[in-house]
Structures are given as C-alpha cells and as structure tokens.
Amino acid sequence: MIQETCYTIFLDIDGTILPHNEHFSDTFNMAVTLAGTEEKLLEWHKKGYKVILTTGRPSIYRQKTEEQLTTLGLIYDQLVMDCGCGPRVVINDKNPLFPDRPKARGINLNRNQGISGVILD
C-alpha cells in the first residue's frame, strides 16, 4: 500500500502569500495576506505537510518578519531568509522503490496571484 504523500513545501513570502511591495521600507507594514493564504496554509497543516517559508529578505529582519507572520496568523514550520532574488532550484534524489514518482517539482505563480488555487495531488 502506498502512503499518502507528505509534502515539504518551499513557499516564497513576498508576491506569493503577501502582496509584493516595490518599496522594501513598506514591506513590514503589510497587514493583509493574498486571498486564500490562511485557508491554504491551514489545509496543508492539517494534512501534515511541512511548510518552509523562503524569502530574499535579509536575516537582519528575521524578528520583524516573524512578528509580521505571527500577527497575520500564518502557520508555517520554518523560515529561511537571505535567499536572494534569483531563481530557486530544488534538487532531490529519486526513490528506487518508486522511480517514476518525482521527488521535486516547481510551481511558478504570477506575482500577487496567491496560493489558493495551488493543487499538489
């Protein structure tokens, strides 16, 4: 019997779950999430998925970022900062028991589209 997939989701912050702000100085004034963010994060949490938030924000803003995420009531497992603004690539091995099942994939969303329509299964 094949177990249900337990995803690890690497999820960008700005432009993905929070509106992207062209002026970094205004980033921490965000008091809203993009549509469907809280519901999708709760859904993934209930399914046992691990959510790792990633951001290009410098780590000197870790406390401010964590406070912002907490204030917004967002559920996540880890926060990785200093990712830069270039493309992010996930590289993983294949499980020899399931060689046709990919262990890594990418989903690219339009900026500020939000994650409500993301389907992982």
Protein backbone atom coordinates (compact mmCIF):
# COMPACT_ATOMS: atom_id res chain seq x y z
CA MET A 1 0.00 0.00 0.00
CA ILE A 2 1.37 3.42 -0.97
CA GLN A 3 1.26 6.04 1.78
CA GLU A 4 -0.31 9.44 1.13
CA THR A 5 2.33 11.93 0.06
CA CYS A 6 3.59 14.15 2.87
CA TYR A 7 4.88 17.20 1.05
CA THR A 8 7.58 19.60 2.11
CA ILE A 9 6.58 22.91 0.56
CA PHE A 10 9.12 25.68 0.00
CA LEU A 11 6.97 28.79 -0.22
CA ASP A 12 8.11 32.31 -1.04
CA ILE A 13 6.69 35.16 1.04
CA ASP A 14 6.57 38.40 -0.94
CA GLY A 15 4.36 38.23 -4.02
CA THR A 16 3.23 34.70 -3.12
CA ILE A 17 1.49 34.85 0.27
CA LEU A 18 1.88 38.57 0.97
CA PRO A 19 1.49 41.35 -1.59
CA HIS A 20 4.82 42.28 -3.15
CA ASN A 21 5.80 45.82 -2.29
CA GLU A 22 8.07 47.74 -4.65
CA HIS A 23 9.42 49.74 -1.70
CA PHE A 24 11.15 47.44 0.80
CA SER A 25 10.74 50.01 3.57
CA ASP A 26 6.95 49.45 3.37
CA THR A 27 7.21 45.63 3.45
CA PHE A 28 6.59 45.29 7.18
CA ASN A 29 3.50 47.49 7.08
CA MET A 30 1.60 44.73 5.25
CA ALA A 31 -1.50 44.00 7.28
CA VAL A 32 -3.07 41.62 4.76
CA THR A 33 -2.28 38.37 3.01
CA LEU A 34 -3.13 37.46 -0.55
CA ALA A 35 -6.55 35.87 -0.99
CA GLY A 36 -6.84 32.31 0.34
CA THR A 37 -3.44 32.23 2.06
CA GLU A 38 -4.61 31.45 5.59
CA GLU A 39 -7.02 28.77 4.38
CA LYS A 40 -4.42 27.05 2.18
CA LEU A 41 -1.76 27.06 4.92
CA LEU A 42 -4.29 25.61 7.40
CA GLU A 43 -5.29 22.92 4.86
CA TRP A 44 -1.65 21.92 4.37
CA HIS A 45 -1.01 21.96 8.12
CA LYS A 46 -3.98 19.63 8.73
CA LYS A 47 -2.62 17.24 6.08
CA GLY A 48 0.73 17.15 7.89
CA TYR A 49 2.68 18.95 5.17
CA LYS A 50 5.81 20.85 6.19
CA VAL A 51 5.81 24.48 5.07
CA ILE A 52 9.17 26.19 4.82
CA LEU A 53 8.84 29.88 4.06
CA THR A 54 11.63 31.32 1.92
CA THR A 55 12.47 34.92 1.31
CA GLY A 56 15.10 37.18 -0.10
CA ARG A 57 14.62 39.43 2.92
CA PRO A 58 17.90 39.91 4.79
CA SER A 59 18.22 37.96 8.04
CA ILE A 60 18.66 41.20 10.00
CA TYR A 61 14.86 41.47 9.53
CA ARG A 62 14.13 38.00 10.96
CA GLN A 63 12.41 39.27 14.11
CA LYS A 64 10.29 41.79 12.18
CA THR A 65 9.38 39.12 9.62
CA GLU A 66 8.43 36.56 12.28
CA GLU A 67 6.34 39.18 14.10
CA GLN A 68 4.59 40.07 10.85
CA LEU A 69 3.81 36.42 10.07
CA THR A 70 2.55 35.82 13.62
CA THR A 71 0.38 38.95 13.55
CA LEU A 72 -1.18 37.71 10.32
CA GLY A 73 -1.81 34.28 11.92
CA LEU A 74 0.16 32.33 9.32
CA ILE A 75 1.06 28.71 10.04
CA TYR A 76 4.50 27.51 8.93
CA ASP A 77 7.28 25.23 10.14
CA GLN A 78 10.49 27.07 9.25
CA LEU A 79 11.66 30.38 7.86
CA VAL A 80 14.70 30.58 5.56
CA MET A 81 15.98 34.08 4.86
CA ASP A 82 18.70 35.59 2.62
CA CYS A 83 17.61 33.53 -0.40
CA GLY A 84 18.38 36.34 -2.82
CA CYS A 85 16.23 37.39 -5.73
CA GLY A 86 17.39 34.89 -8.37
CA PRO A 87 15.70 31.63 -9.40
CA ARG A 88 15.36 28.94 -6.75
CA VAL A 89 16.08 25.35 -7.69
CA VAL A 90 15.16 22.22 -5.71
CA ILE A 91 17.32 19.16 -6.35
CA ASN A 92 16.44 15.78 -4.89
CA ASP A 93 17.16 12.09 -5.46
CA LYS A 94 14.68 9.54 -6.80
CA ASN A 95 13.30 6.82 -4.54
CA PRO A 96 14.30 3.48 -6.13
CA LEU A 97 11.04 1.92 -4.90
CA PHE A 98 9.06 4.50 -6.90
CA PRO A 99 11.35 5.54 -9.79
CA ASP A 100 8.52 7.17 -11.76
CA ARG A 101 7.41 9.41 -8.89
CA PRO A 102 9.27 12.74 -8.90
CA LYS A 103 10.69 13.88 -5.57
CA ALA A 104 10.99 17.53 -6.60
CA ARG A 105 8.98 19.88 -8.74
CA GLY A 106 8.32 23.57 -9.12
CA ILE A 107 5.22 25.72 -9.38
CA ASN A 108 5.59 29.26 -10.68
CA LEU A 109 2.78 31.69 -9.91
CA ASN A 110 2.15 35.15 -11.26
CA ARG A 111 3.18 37.78 -8.73
CA ASN A 112 0.43 38.53 -6.19
CA GLN A 113 -1.77 35.70 -7.57
CA GLY A 114 -1.77 33.92 -4.22
CA ILE A 115 -1.72 30.20 -3.40
CA SER A 116 -5.44 29.46 -3.11
CA GLY A 117 -5.52 27.65 -6.45
CA VAL A 118 -2.43 25.50 -5.85
CA ILE A 119 -3.22 21.78 -6.04
CA LEU A 120 -0.44 19.39 -5.06
CA ASP A 121 -2.05 15.99 -5.59
